[in-house]
């Protein structure tokens, strides 16, 4: 699918093992060929705080790890609406809606 991609979005959480998988993907693409390297360098990482107990330092740690290997990093705060049930826009907290809008804008800048 990489040959058909115009933009990469690395969706991850504040868990180190999740973030590591995304980082390894970008690093592998950077070494693969010129086109893959461009896709990796132009990628957007979206770091979602899936764990309500994650601290600001946890979020920064994961986001900072992606800043060196992706074009942009957007952090999405914890929102209980995203945990269970059907997700509706109006049910999201205002800061979550703003964060997802920022993520969409970051992705669109790469297209």
PDB file of N, CA and C in Angstrom:
ATOM      1  N   UNK A   1       0.806  -1.194   0.000  1.00  0.00           N
ATOM      2  CA  UNK A   1       0.000   0.000   0.000  1.00  0.00           C
ATOM      3  C   UNK A   1       0.856   1.268   0.000  1.00  0.00           C
ATOM      4  N   UNK A   2       2.066   1.169   0.455  1.00  0.00           N
ATOM      5  CA  UNK A   2       2.923   2.355   0.491  1.00  0.00           C
ATOM      6  C   UNK A   2       3.075   2.962  -0.897  1.00  0.00           C
ATOM      7  N   UNK A   3       3.132   2.121  -1.915  1.00  0.00           N
ATOM      8  CA  UNK A   3       3.288   2.626  -3.279  1.00  0.00           C
ATOM      9  C   UNK A   3       2.087   3.460  -3.712  1.00  0.00           C
ATOM     10  N   UNK A   4       0.949   3.304  -3.064  1.00  0.00           N
ATOM     11  CA  UNK A   4      -0.269   4.024  -3.440  1.00  0.00           C
ATOM     12  C   UNK A   4      -0.594   5.175  -2.494  1.00  0.00           C
ATOM     13  N   UNK A   5       0.176   5.334  -1.442  1.00  0.00           N
ATOM     14  CA  UNK A   5      -0.121   6.344  -0.415  1.00  0.00           C
ATOM     15  C   UNK A   5       0.357   7.725  -0.837  1.00  0.00           C
ATOM     16  N   UNK A   6      -0.424   8.726  -0.473  1.00  0.00           N
ATOM     17  CA  UNK A   6      -0.035  10.123  -0.667  1.00  0.00           C
ATOM     18  C   UNK A   6       0.368  10.770   0.653  1.00  0.00           C
ATOM     19  N   UNK A   7      -0.101  10.208   1.745  1.00  0.00           N
ATOM     20  CA  UNK A   7       0.140  10.770   3.074  1.00  0.00           C
ATOM     21  C   UNK A   7       0.083   9.644   4.089  1.00  0.00           C
ATOM     22  N   UNK A   8       0.992   9.662   5.049  1.00  0.00           N
ATOM     23  CA  UNK A   8       0.970   8.681   6.136  1.00  0.00           C
ATOM     24  C   UNK A   8       0.523   9.358   7.420  1.00  0.00           C
ATOM     25  N   UNK A   9      -0.372   8.688   8.122  1.00  0.00           N
ATOM     26  CA  UNK A   9      -0.805   9.126   9.442  1.00  0.00           C
ATOM     27  C   UNK A   9      -0.495   7.992  10.402  1.00  0.00           C
ATOM     28  N   UNK A  10       0.344   8.269  11.360  1.00  0.00           N
ATOM     29  CA  UNK A  10       0.699   7.281  12.364  1.00  0.00           C
ATOM     30  C   UNK A  10      -0.174   7.545  13.581  1.00  0.00           C
ATOM     31  N   UNK A  11      -1.153   6.681  13.773  1.00  0.00           N
ATOM     32  CA  UNK A  11      -2.045   6.803  14.925  1.00  0.00           C
ATOM     33  C   UNK A  11      -1.461   5.965  16.056  1.00  0.00           C
ATOM     34  N   UNK A  12      -1.250   6.607  17.186  1.00  0.00           N
ATOM     35  CA  UNK A  12      -0.651   5.904  18.315  1.00  0.00           C
ATOM     36  C   UNK A  12      -1.244   6.420  19.614  1.00  0.00           C
ATOM     37  N   UNK A  13      -0.836   5.804  20.697  1.00  0.00           N
ATOM     38  CA  UNK A  13      -1.279   6.227  22.018  1.00  0.00           C
ATOM     39  C   UNK A  13      -0.054   6.588  22.840  1.00  0.00           C
ATOM     40  N   UNK A  14      -0.293   6.910  24.089  1.00  0.00           N
ATOM     41  CA  UNK A  14       0.807   7.261  24.989  1.00  0.00           C
ATOM     42  C   UNK A  14       1.539   6.029  25.499  1.00  0.00           C
ATOM     43  N   UNK A  15       1.073   4.842  25.129  1.00  0.00           N
ATOM     44  CA  UNK A  15       1.792   3.617  25.528  1.00  0.00           C
ATOM     45  C   UNK A  15       3.065   3.492  24.699  1.00  0.00           C
ATOM     46  N   UNK A  16       4.181   3.240  25.371  1.00  0.00           N
ATOM     47  CA  UNK A  16       5.470   3.159  24.693  1.00  0.00           C
ATOM     48  C   UNK A  16       5.511   2.088  23.607  1.00  0.00           C
ATOM     49  N   UNK A  17       4.886   0.920  23.857  1.00  0.00           N
ATOM     50  CA  UNK A  17       4.939  -0.138  22.855  1.00  0.00           C
ATOM     51  C   UNK A  17       4.154   0.240  21.594  1.00  0.00           C
ATOM     52  N   UNK A  18       3.070   0.973  21.752  1.00  0.00           N
ATOM     53  CA  UNK A  18       2.316   1.439  20.582  1.00  0.00           C
ATOM     54  C   UNK A  18       3.138   2.473  19.810  1.00  0.00           C
ATOM     55  N   UNK A  19       3.704   3.410  20.534  1.00  0.00           N
ATOM     56  CA  UNK A  19       4.491   4.462  19.891  1.00  0.00           C
ATOM     57  C   UNK A  19       5.717   3.885  19.195  1.00  0.00           C
ATOM     58  N   UNK A  20       6.346   2.908  19.815  1.00  0.00           N
ATOM     59  CA  UNK A  20       7.537   2.308  19.218  1.00  0.00           C
ATOM     60  C   UNK A  20       7.215   1.657  17.876  1.00  0.00           C
ATOM     61  N   UNK A  21       6.062   1.019  17.775  1.00  0.00           N
ATOM     62  CA  UNK A  21       5.681   0.382  16.511  1.00  0.00           C
ATOM     63  C   UNK A  21       5.571   1.418  15.395  1.00  0.00           C
ATOM     64  N   UNK A  22       4.965   2.551  15.685  1.00  0.00           N
ATOM     65  CA  UNK A  22       4.849   3.609  14.680  1.00  0.00           C
ATOM     66  C   UNK A  22       6.193   4.209  14.317  1.00  0.00           C
ATOM     67  N   UNK A  23       7.031   4.419  15.310  1.00  0.00           N
ATOM     68  CA  UNK A  23       8.364   4.974  15.055  1.00  0.00           C
ATOM     69  C   UNK A  23       9.208   4.015  14.223  1.00  0.00           C
ATOM     70  N   UNK A  24       9.123   2.729  14.532  1.00  0.00           N
ATOM     71  CA  UNK A  24       9.889   1.742  13.746  1.00  0.00           C
ATOM     72  C   UNK A  24       9.415   1.694  12.300  1.00  0.00           C
ATOM     73  N   UNK A  25       8.116   1.855  12.084  1.00  0.00           N
ATOM     74  CA  UNK A  25       7.596   1.907  10.719  1.00  0.00           C
ATOM     75  C   UNK A  25       8.201   3.083   9.963  1.00  0.00           C
ATOM     76  N   UNK A  26       8.187   4.262  10.561  1.00  0.00           N
ATOM     77  CA  UNK A  26       8.744   5.435   9.887  1.00  0.00           C
ATOM     78  C   UNK A  26      10.238   5.282   9.638  1.00  0.00           C
ATOM     79  N   UNK A  27      10.956   4.749  10.605  1.00  0.00           N
ATOM     80  CA  UNK A  27      12.397   4.546  10.429  1.00  0.00           C
ATOM     81  C   UNK A  27      12.671   3.534   9.325  1.00  0.00           C
ATOM     82  N   UNK A  28      11.879   2.466   9.255  1.00  0.00           N
ATOM     83  CA  UNK A  28      12.047   1.476   8.198  1.00  0.00           C
ATOM     84  C   UNK A  28      11.763   2.064   6.827  1.00  0.00           C
ATOM     85  N   UNK A  29      10.726   2.881   6.728  1.00  0.00           N
ATOM     86  CA  UNK A  29      10.406   3.523   5.454  1.00  0.00           C
ATOM     87  C   UNK A  29      11.488   4.505   5.038  1.00  0.00           C
ATOM     88  N   UNK A  30      12.063   5.198   5.999  1.00  0.00           N
ATOM     89  CA  UNK A  30      13.122   6.164   5.696  1.00  0.00           C
ATOM     90  C   UNK A  30      14.314   5.484   5.038  1.00  0.00           C
ATOM     91  N   UNK A  31      14.528   4.222   5.364  1.00  0.00           N
ATOM     92  CA  UNK A  31      15.663   3.475   4.814  1.00  0.00           C
ATOM     93  C   UNK A  31      15.307   2.655   3.577  1.00  0.00           C
ATOM     94  N   UNK A  32      14.030   2.608   3.219  1.00  0.00           N
ATOM     95  CA  UNK A  32      13.568   1.711   2.156  1.00  0.00           C
ATOM     96  C   UNK A  32      13.928   2.209   0.759  1.00  0.00           C
ATOM     97  N   UNK A  33      13.447   3.360   0.391  1.00  0.00           N
ATOM     98  CA  UNK A  33      13.731   3.968  -0.912  1.00  0.00           C
ATOM     99  C   UNK A  33      13.362   5.446  -0.825  1.00  0.00           C
ATOM    100  N   UNK A  34      13.642   6.176  -1.890  1.00  0.00           N
ATOM    101  CA  UNK A  34      13.455   7.632  -1.861  1.00  0.00           C
ATOM    102  C   UNK A  34      11.991   8.029  -1.632  1.00  0.00           C
ATOM    103  N   UNK A  35      11.071   7.389  -2.330  1.00  0.00           N
ATOM    104  CA  UNK A  35       9.651   7.731  -2.180  1.00  0.00           C
ATOM    105  C   UNK A  35       9.169   7.411  -0.767  1.00  0.00           C
ATOM    106  N   UNK A  36       9.521   6.256  -0.263  1.00  0.00           N
ATOM    107  CA  UNK A  36       9.124   5.878   1.092  1.00  0.00           C
ATOM    108  C   UNK A  36       9.719   6.828   2.124  1.00  0.00           C
ATOM    109  N   UNK A  37      10.949   7.254   1.890  1.00  0.00           N
ATOM    110  CA  UNK A  37      11.598   8.202   2.803  1.00  0.00           C
ATOM    111  C   UNK A  37      10.857   9.540   2.814  1.00  0.00           C
ATOM    112  N   UNK A  38      10.396   9.987   1.634  1.00  0.00           N
ATOM    113  CA  UNK A  38       9.622  11.232   1.572  1.00  0.00           C
ATOM    114  C   UNK A  38       8.296  11.090   2.322  1.00  0.00           C
ATOM    115  N   UNK A  39       7.634   9.950   2.140  1.00  0.00           N
ATOM    116  CA  UNK A  39       6.386   9.711   2.863  1.00  0.00           C
ATOM    117  C   UNK A  39       6.618   9.725   4.376  1.00  0.00           C
ATOM    118  N   UNK A  40       7.677   9.074   4.817  1.00  0.00           N
ATOM    119  CA  UNK A  40       7.980   9.029   6.245  1.00  0.00           C
ATOM    120  C   UNK A  40       8.275  10.429   6.785  1.00  0.00           C
ATOM    121  N   UNK A  41       9.064  11.194   6.055  1.00  0.00           N
ATOM    122  CA  UNK A  41       9.417  12.537   6.506  1.00  0.00           C
ATOM    123  C   UNK A  41       8.206  13.466   6.522  1.00  0.00           C
ATOM    124  N   UNK A  42       7.214  13.179   5.684  1.00  0.00           N
ATOM    125  CA  UNK A  42       6.012  14.009   5.591  1.00  0.00           C
ATOM    126  C   UNK A  42       4.861  13.465   6.451  1.00  0.00           C
ATOM    127  N   UNK A  43       5.116  12.433   7.226  1.00  0.00           N
ATOM    128  CA  UNK A  43       4.065  11.796   8.020  1.00  0.00           C
ATOM    129  C   UNK A  43       3.575  12.703   9.150  1.00  0.00           C
ATOM    130  N   UNK A  44       2.362  12.429   9.573  1.00  0.00           N
ATOM    131  CA  UNK A  44       1.784  13.098  10.738  1.00  0.00           C
ATOM    132  C   UNK A  44       1.526  12.023  11.789  1.00  0.00           C
ATOM    133  N   UNK A  45       2.028  12.246  12.980  1.00  0.00           N
ATOM    134  CA  UNK A  45       1.768  11.335  14.097  1.00  0.00           C
ATOM    135  C   UNK A  45       0.650  11.934  14.940  1.00  0.00           C
ATOM    136  N   UNK A  46      -0.359  11.113  15.226  1.00  0.00           N
ATOM    137  CA  UNK A  46      -1.469  11.530  16.076  1.00  0.00           C
ATOM    138  C   UNK A  46      -1.373  10.691  17.352  1.00  0.00           C
ATOM    139  N   UNK A  47      -1.052  11.355  18.443  1.00  0.00           N
ATOM    140  CA  UNK A  47      -0.841  10.692  19.729  1.00  0.00           C
ATOM    141  C   UNK A  47      -2.076  10.900  20.596  1.00  0.00           C
ATOM    142  N   UNK A  48      -2.820   9.832  20.809  1.00  0.00           N
ATOM    143  CA  UNK A  48      -4.044   9.910  21.596  1.00  0.00           C
ATOM    144  C   UNK A  48      -3.777   9.452  23.028  1.00  0.00           C
ATOM    145  N   UNK A  49      -4.243  10.237  23.963  1.00  0.00           N
ATOM    146  CA  UNK A  49      -4.123   9.867  25.374  1.00  0.00           C
ATOM    147  C   UNK A  49      -5.253   8.894  25.691  1.00  0.00           C
ATOM    148  N   UNK A  50      -5.009   7.617  25.452  1.00  0.00           N
ATOM    149  CA  UNK A  50      -6.022   6.588  25.680  1.00  0.00           C
ATOM    150  C   UNK A  50      -6.181   6.259  27.161  1.00  0.00           C
ATOM    151  N   UNK A  51      -5.136   6.484  27.930  1.00  0.00           N
ATOM    152  CA  UNK A  51      -5.145   6.180  29.362  1.00  0.00           C
ATOM    153  C   UNK A  51      -5.403   7.472  30.139  1.00  0.00           C
ATOM    154  N   UNK A  52      -6.499   7.545  30.879  1.00  0.00           N
ATOM    155  CA  UNK A  52      -6.786   8.777  31.618  1.00  0.00           C
ATOM    156  C   UNK A  52      -5.729   9.102  32.677  1.00  0.00           C
ATOM    157  N   UNK A  53      -4.918   8.117  33.038  1.00  0.00           N
ATOM    158  CA  UNK A  53      -3.888   8.335  34.051  1.00  0.00           C
ATOM    159  C   UNK A  53      -2.566   8.819  33.443  1.00  0.00           C
ATOM    160  N   UNK A  54      -2.476   8.854  32.125  1.00  0.00           N
ATOM    161  CA  UNK A  54      -1.246   9.345  31.489  1.00  0.00           C
ATOM    162  C   UNK A  54      -1.055  10.818  31.840  1.00  0.00           C
ATOM    163  N   UNK A  55       0.169  11.174  32.107  1.00  0.00           N
ATOM    164  CA  UNK A  55       0.477  12.554  32.495  1.00  0.00           C
ATOM    165  C   UNK A  55       0.854  13.374  31.272  1.00  0.00           C
ATOM    166  N   UNK A  56       0.923  14.681  31.473  1.00  0.00           N
ATOM    167  CA  UNK A  56       1.397  15.561  30.396  1.00  0.00           C
ATOM    168  C   UNK A  56       2.808  15.167  29.971  1.00  0.00           C
ATOM    169  N   UNK A  57       3.617  14.742  30.938  1.00  0.00           N
ATOM    170  CA  UNK A  57       4.985  14.304  30.624  1.00  0.00           C
ATOM    171  C   UNK A  57       4.964  13.054  29.748  1.00  0.00           C
ATOM    172  N   UNK A  58       4.038  12.138  29.998  1.00  0.00           N
ATOM    173  CA  UNK A  58       3.915  10.937  29.162  1.00  0.00           C
ATOM    174  C   UNK A  58       3.581  11.326  27.725  1.00  0.00           C
ATOM    175  N   UNK A  59       2.648  12.239  27.570  1.00  0.00           N
ATOM    176  CA  UNK A  59       2.238  12.682  26.234  1.00  0.00           C
ATOM    177  C   UNK A  59       3.402  13.372  25.533  1.00  0.00           C
ATOM    178  N   UNK A  60       4.066  14.273  26.224  1.00  0.00           N
ATOM    179  CA  UNK A  60       5.220  14.983  25.642  1.00  0.00           C
ATOM    180  C   UNK A  60       6.318  14.010  25.238  1.00  0.00           C
ATOM    181  N   UNK A  61       6.565  13.001  26.065  1.00  0.00           N
ATOM    182  CA  UNK A  61       7.612  12.017  25.782  1.00  0.00           C
ATOM    183  C   UNK A  61       7.352  11.322  24.447  1.00  0.00           C
ATOM    184  N   UNK A  62       6.127  10.866  24.245  1.00  0.00           N
ATOM    185  CA  UNK A  62       5.794  10.180  22.989  1.00  0.00           C
ATOM    186  C   UNK A  62       5.805  11.168  21.826  1.00  0.00           C
ATOM    187  N   UNK A  63       5.190  12.326  22.008  1.00  0.00           N
ATOM    188  CA  UNK A  63       5.153  13.327  20.936  1.00  0.00           C
ATOM    189  C   UNK A  63       6.561  13.763  20.540  1.00  0.00           C
ATOM    190  N   UNK A  64       7.418  14.011  21.518  1.00  0.00           N
ATOM    191  CA  UNK A  64       8.795  14.431  21.225  1.00  0.00           C
ATOM    192  C   UNK A  64       9.557  13.364  20.457  1.00  0.00           C
ATOM    193  N   UNK A  65       9.260  12.101  20.735  1.00  0.00           N
ATOM    194  CA  UNK A  65       9.914  11.024  20.002  1.00  0.00           C
ATOM    195  C   UNK A  65       9.584  11.032  18.520  1.00  0.00           C
ATOM    196  N   UNK A  66       8.390  11.499  18.176  1.00  0.00           N
ATOM    197  CA  UNK A  66       7.983  11.555  16.774  1.00  0.00           C
ATOM    198  C   UNK A  66       8.418  12.843  16.081  1.00  0.00           C
ATOM    199  N   UNK A  67       8.695  13.885  16.840  1.00  0.00           N
ATOM    200  CA  UNK A  67       9.045  15.174  16.219  1.00  0.00           C
ATOM    201  C   UNK A  67      10.295  15.084  15.338  1.00  0.00           C
ATOM    202  N   UNK A  68      11.209  14.216  15.683  1.00  0.00           N
ATOM    203  CA  UNK A  68      12.448  14.084  14.911  1.00  0.00           C
ATOM    204  C   UNK A  68      12.255  13.267  13.634  1.00  0.00           C
ATOM    205  N   UNK A  69      11.162  12.505  13.537  1.00  0.00           N
ATOM    206  CA  UNK A  69      11.019  11.601  12.387  1.00  0.00           C
ATOM    207  C   UNK A  69       9.745  11.834  11.583  1.00  0.00           C
ATOM    208  N   UNK A  70       8.883  12.750  12.016  1.00  0.00           N
ATOM    209  CA  UNK A  70       7.642  13.044  11.292  1.00  0.00           C
ATOM    210  C   UNK A  70       7.547  14.549  11.053  1.00  0.00           C
ATOM    211  N   UNK A  71       6.756  14.927  10.073  1.00  0.00           N
ATOM    212  CA  UNK A  71       6.588  16.350   9.766  1.00  0.00           C
ATOM    213  C   UNK A  71       5.827  17.083  10.862  1.00  0.00           C
ATOM    214  N   UNK A  72       4.830  16.419  11.410  1.00  0.00           N
ATOM    215  CA  UNK A  72       4.004  17.071  12.417  1.00  0.00           C
ATOM    216  C   UNK A  72       3.514  16.031  13.421  1.00  0.00           C
ATOM    217  N   UNK A  73       3.254  16.498  14.634  1.00  0.00           N
ATOM    218  CA  UNK A  73       2.729  15.655  15.700  1.00  0.00           C
ATOM    219  C   UNK A  73       1.575  16.399  16.347  1.00  0.00           C
ATOM    220  N   UNK A  74       0.449  15.718  16.494  1.00  0.00           N
ATOM    221  CA  UNK A  74      -0.720  16.299  17.149  1.00  0.00           C
ATOM    222  C   UNK A  74      -1.106  15.397  18.315  1.00  0.00           C
ATOM    223  N   UNK A  75      -1.327  16.008  19.472  1.00  0.00           N
ATOM    224  CA  UNK A  75      -1.744  15.256  20.652  1.00  0.00           C
ATOM    225  C   UNK A  75      -3.243  15.415  20.849  1.00  0.00           C
ATOM    226  N   UNK A  76      -3.899  14.299  21.130  1.00  0.00           N
ATOM    227  CA  UNK A  76      -5.336  14.284  21.385  1.00  0.00           C
ATOM    228  C   UNK A  76      -5.534  13.961  22.864  1.00  0.00           C
ATOM    229  N   UNK A  77      -6.220  14.825  23.614  1.00  0.00           N
ATOM    230  CA  UNK A  77      -6.397  14.573  25.049  1.00  0.00           C
ATOM    231  C   UNK A  77      -7.359  13.412  25.308  1.00  0.00           C
ATOM    232  N   UNK A  78      -7.273  12.876  26.501  1.00  0.00           N
ATOM    233  CA  UNK A  78      -8.204  11.821  26.891  1.00  0.00           C
ATOM    234  C   UNK A  78      -9.624  12.362  26.857  1.00  0.00           C
ATOM    235  N   UNK A  79     -10.520  11.549  26.326  1.00  0.00           N
ATOM    236  CA  UNK A  79     -11.932  11.900  26.302  1.00  0.00           C
ATOM    237  C   UNK A  79     -12.722  10.619  26.541  1.00  0.00           C
ATOM    238  N   UNK A  80     -13.523  10.566  27.588  1.00  0.00           N
ATOM    239  CA  UNK A  80     -14.268   9.329  27.885  1.00  0.00           C
ATOM    240  C   UNK A  80     -15.210   8.916  26.748  1.00  0.00           C
ATOM    241  N   UNK A  81     -15.628   9.847  25.925  1.00  0.00           N
ATOM    242  CA  UNK A  81     -16.500   9.527  24.796  1.00  0.00           C
ATOM    243  C   UNK A  81     -15.824   8.566  23.828  1.00  0.00           C
ATOM    244  N   UNK A  82     -14.489   8.633  23.745  1.00  0.00           N
ATOM    245  CA  UNK A  82     -13.762   7.793  22.799  1.00  0.00           C
ATOM    246  C   UNK A  82     -13.537   6.375  23.327  1.00  0.00           C
ATOM    247  N   UNK A  83     -13.914   6.125  24.563  1.00  0.00           N
ATOM    248  CA  UNK A  83     -13.642   4.830  25.177  1.00  0.00           C
ATOM    249  C   UNK A  83     -14.710   3.803  24.839  1.00  0.00           C
ATOM    250  N   UNK A  84     -15.944   4.146  25.034  1.00  0.00           N
ATOM    251  CA  UNK A  84     -17.035   3.191  24.855  1.00  0.00           C
ATOM    252  C   UNK A  84     -18.171   3.803  24.047  1.00  0.00           C
ATOM    253  N   UNK A  85     -18.854   2.951  23.336  1.00  0.00           N
ATOM    254  CA  UNK A  85     -20.071   3.372  22.666  1.00  0.00           C
ATOM    255  C   UNK A  85     -19.848   4.049  21.334  1.00  0.00           C
ATOM    256  N   UNK A  86     -20.923   4.621  20.856  1.00  0.00           N
ATOM    257  CA  UNK A  86     -20.912   5.310  19.575  1.00  0.00           C
ATOM    258  C   UNK A  86     -20.362   6.709  19.776  1.00  0.00           C
ATOM    259  N   UNK A  87     -19.461   7.106  18.908  1.00  0.00           N
ATOM    260  CA  UNK A  87     -18.833   8.420  19.017  1.00  0.00           C
ATOM    261  C   UNK A  87     -19.629   9.410  18.181  1.00  0.00           C
ATOM    262  N   UNK A  88     -20.069  10.470  18.824  1.00  0.00           N
ATOM    263  CA  UNK A  88     -20.699  11.566  18.103  1.00  0.00           C
ATOM    264  C   UNK A  88     -19.897  12.831  18.373  1.00  0.00           C
ATOM    265  N   UNK A  89     -19.849  13.680  17.387  1.00  0.00           N
ATOM    266  CA  UNK A  89     -19.062  14.901  17.494  1.00  0.00           C
ATOM    267  C   UNK A  89     -19.500  15.744  18.686  1.00  0.00           C
ATOM    268  N   UNK A  90     -20.796  15.898  18.861  1.00  0.00           N
ATOM    269  CA  UNK A  90     -21.308  16.742  19.941  1.00  0.00           C
ATOM    270  C   UNK A  90     -20.994  16.198  21.328  1.00  0.00           C
ATOM    271  N   UNK A  91     -20.743  14.897  21.434  1.00  0.00           N
ATOM    272  CA  UNK A  91     -20.436  14.302  22.729  1.00  0.00           C
ATOM    273  C   UNK A  91     -18.982  14.520  23.145  1.00  0.00           C
ATOM    274  N   UNK A  92     -18.129  14.864  22.192  1.00  0.00           N
ATOM    275  CA  UNK A  92     -16.709  15.092  22.505  1.00  0.00           C
ATOM    276  C   UNK A  92     -16.533  16.396  23.271  1.00  0.00           C
ATOM    277  N   UNK A  93     -15.552  16.413  24.125  1.00  0.00           N
ATOM    278  CA  UNK A  93     -15.204  17.642  24.834  1.00  0.00           C
ATOM    279  C   UNK A  93     -14.662  18.655  23.826  1.00  0.00           C
ATOM    280  N   UNK A  94     -14.778  19.931  24.153  1.00  0.00           N
ATOM    281  CA  UNK A  94     -14.344  20.992  23.242  1.00  0.00           C
ATOM    282  C   UNK A  94     -12.858  20.883  22.915  1.00  0.00           C
ATOM    283  N   UNK A  95     -12.023  20.566  23.915  1.00  0.00           N
ATOM    284  CA  UNK A  95     -10.583  20.459  23.638  1.00  0.00           C
ATOM    285  C   UNK A  95     -10.281  19.269  22.737  1.00  0.00           C
ATOM    286  N   UNK A  96     -11.067  18.210  22.832  1.00  0.00           N
ATOM    287  CA  UNK A  96     -10.883  17.049  21.959  1.00  0.00           C
ATOM    288  C   UNK A  96     -11.265  17.408  20.529  1.00  0.00           C
ATOM    289  N   UNK A  97     -12.366  18.114  20.364  1.00  0.00           N
ATOM    290  CA  UNK A  97     -12.777  18.537  19.012  1.00  0.00           C
ATOM    291  C   UNK A  97     -11.715  19.423  18.379  1.00  0.00           C
ATOM    292  N   UNK A  98     -11.176  20.370  19.152  1.00  0.00           N
ATOM    293  CA  UNK A  98     -10.119  21.254  18.621  1.00  0.00           C
ATOM    294  C   UNK A  98      -8.880  20.449  18.242  1.00  0.00           C
ATOM    295  N   UNK A  99      -8.522  19.469  19.055  1.00  0.00           N
ATOM    296  CA  UNK A  99      -7.337  18.649  18.770  1.00  0.00           C
ATOM    297  C   UNK A  99      -7.531  17.847  17.488  1.00  0.00           C
ATOM    298  N   UNK A 100      -8.722  17.257  17.288  1.00  0.00           N
ATOM    299  CA  UNK A 100      -8.967  16.500  16.053  1.00  0.00           C
ATOM    300  C   UNK A 100      -9.009  17.424  14.847  1.00  0.00           C
ATOM    301  N   UNK A 101      -9.494  18.643  15.008  1.00  0.00           N
ATOM    302  CA  UNK A 101      -9.457  19.615  13.916  1.00  0.00           C
ATOM    303  C   UNK A 101      -8.007  19.946  13.569  1.00  0.00           C
ATOM    304  N   UNK A 102      -7.170  20.105  14.588  1.00  0.00           N
ATOM    305  CA  UNK A 102      -5.741  20.365  14.350  1.00  0.00           C
ATOM    306  C   UNK A 102      -5.094  19.173  13.641  1.00  0.00           C
ATOM    307  N   UNK A 103      -5.484  17.955  14.016  1.00  0.00           N
ATOM    308  CA  UNK A 103      -4.941  16.768  13.350  1.00  0.00           C
ATOM    309  C   UNK A 103      -5.344  16.750  11.880  1.00  0.00           C
ATOM    310  N   UNK A 104      -6.618  17.037  11.605  1.00  0.00           N
ATOM    311  CA  UNK A 104      -7.073  17.049  10.208  1.00  0.00           C
ATOM    312  C   UNK A 104      -6.335  18.105   9.405  1.00  0.00           C
ATOM    313  N   UNK A 105      -6.117  19.275  10.001  1.00  0.00           N
ATOM    314  CA  UNK A 105      -5.393  20.353   9.304  1.00  0.00           C
ATOM    315  C   UNK A 105      -3.950  19.946   9.022  1.00  0.00           C
ATOM    316  N   UNK A 106      -3.314  19.303   9.989  1.00  0.00           N
ATOM    317  CA  UNK A 106      -1.927  18.865   9.798  1.00  0.00           C
ATOM    318  C   UNK A 106      -1.852  17.843   8.668  1.00  0.00           C
ATOM    319  N   UNK A 107      -2.798  16.936   8.622  1.00  0.00           N
ATOM    320  CA  UNK A 107      -2.822  15.934   7.557  1.00  0.00           C
ATOM    321  C   UNK A 107      -3.065  16.589   6.217  1.00  0.00           C
ATOM    322  N   UNK A 108      -4.022  17.516   6.152  1.00  0.00           N
ATOM    323  CA  UNK A 108      -4.355  18.188   4.889  1.00  0.00           C
ATOM    324  C   UNK A 108      -3.177  18.982   4.341  1.00  0.00           C
ATOM    325  N   UNK A 109      -2.361  19.542   5.211  1.00  0.00           N
ATOM    326  CA  UNK A 109      -1.185  20.301   4.734  1.00  0.00           C
ATOM    327  C   UNK A 109      -0.213  19.410   3.960  1.00  0.00           C
ATOM    328  N   UNK A 110      -0.278  18.120   4.160  1.00  0.00           N
ATOM    329  CA  UNK A 110       0.624  17.211   3.469  1.00  0.00           C
ATOM    330  C   UNK A 110       0.088  16.687   2.149  1.00  0.00           C
ATOM    331  N   UNK A 111      -1.136  17.038   1.823  1.00  0.00           N
ATOM    332  CA  UNK A 111      -1.740  16.525   0.576  1.00  0.00           C
ATOM    333  C   UNK A 111      -1.537  17.477  -0.581  1.00  0.00           C
TER     334      UNK A 111
END
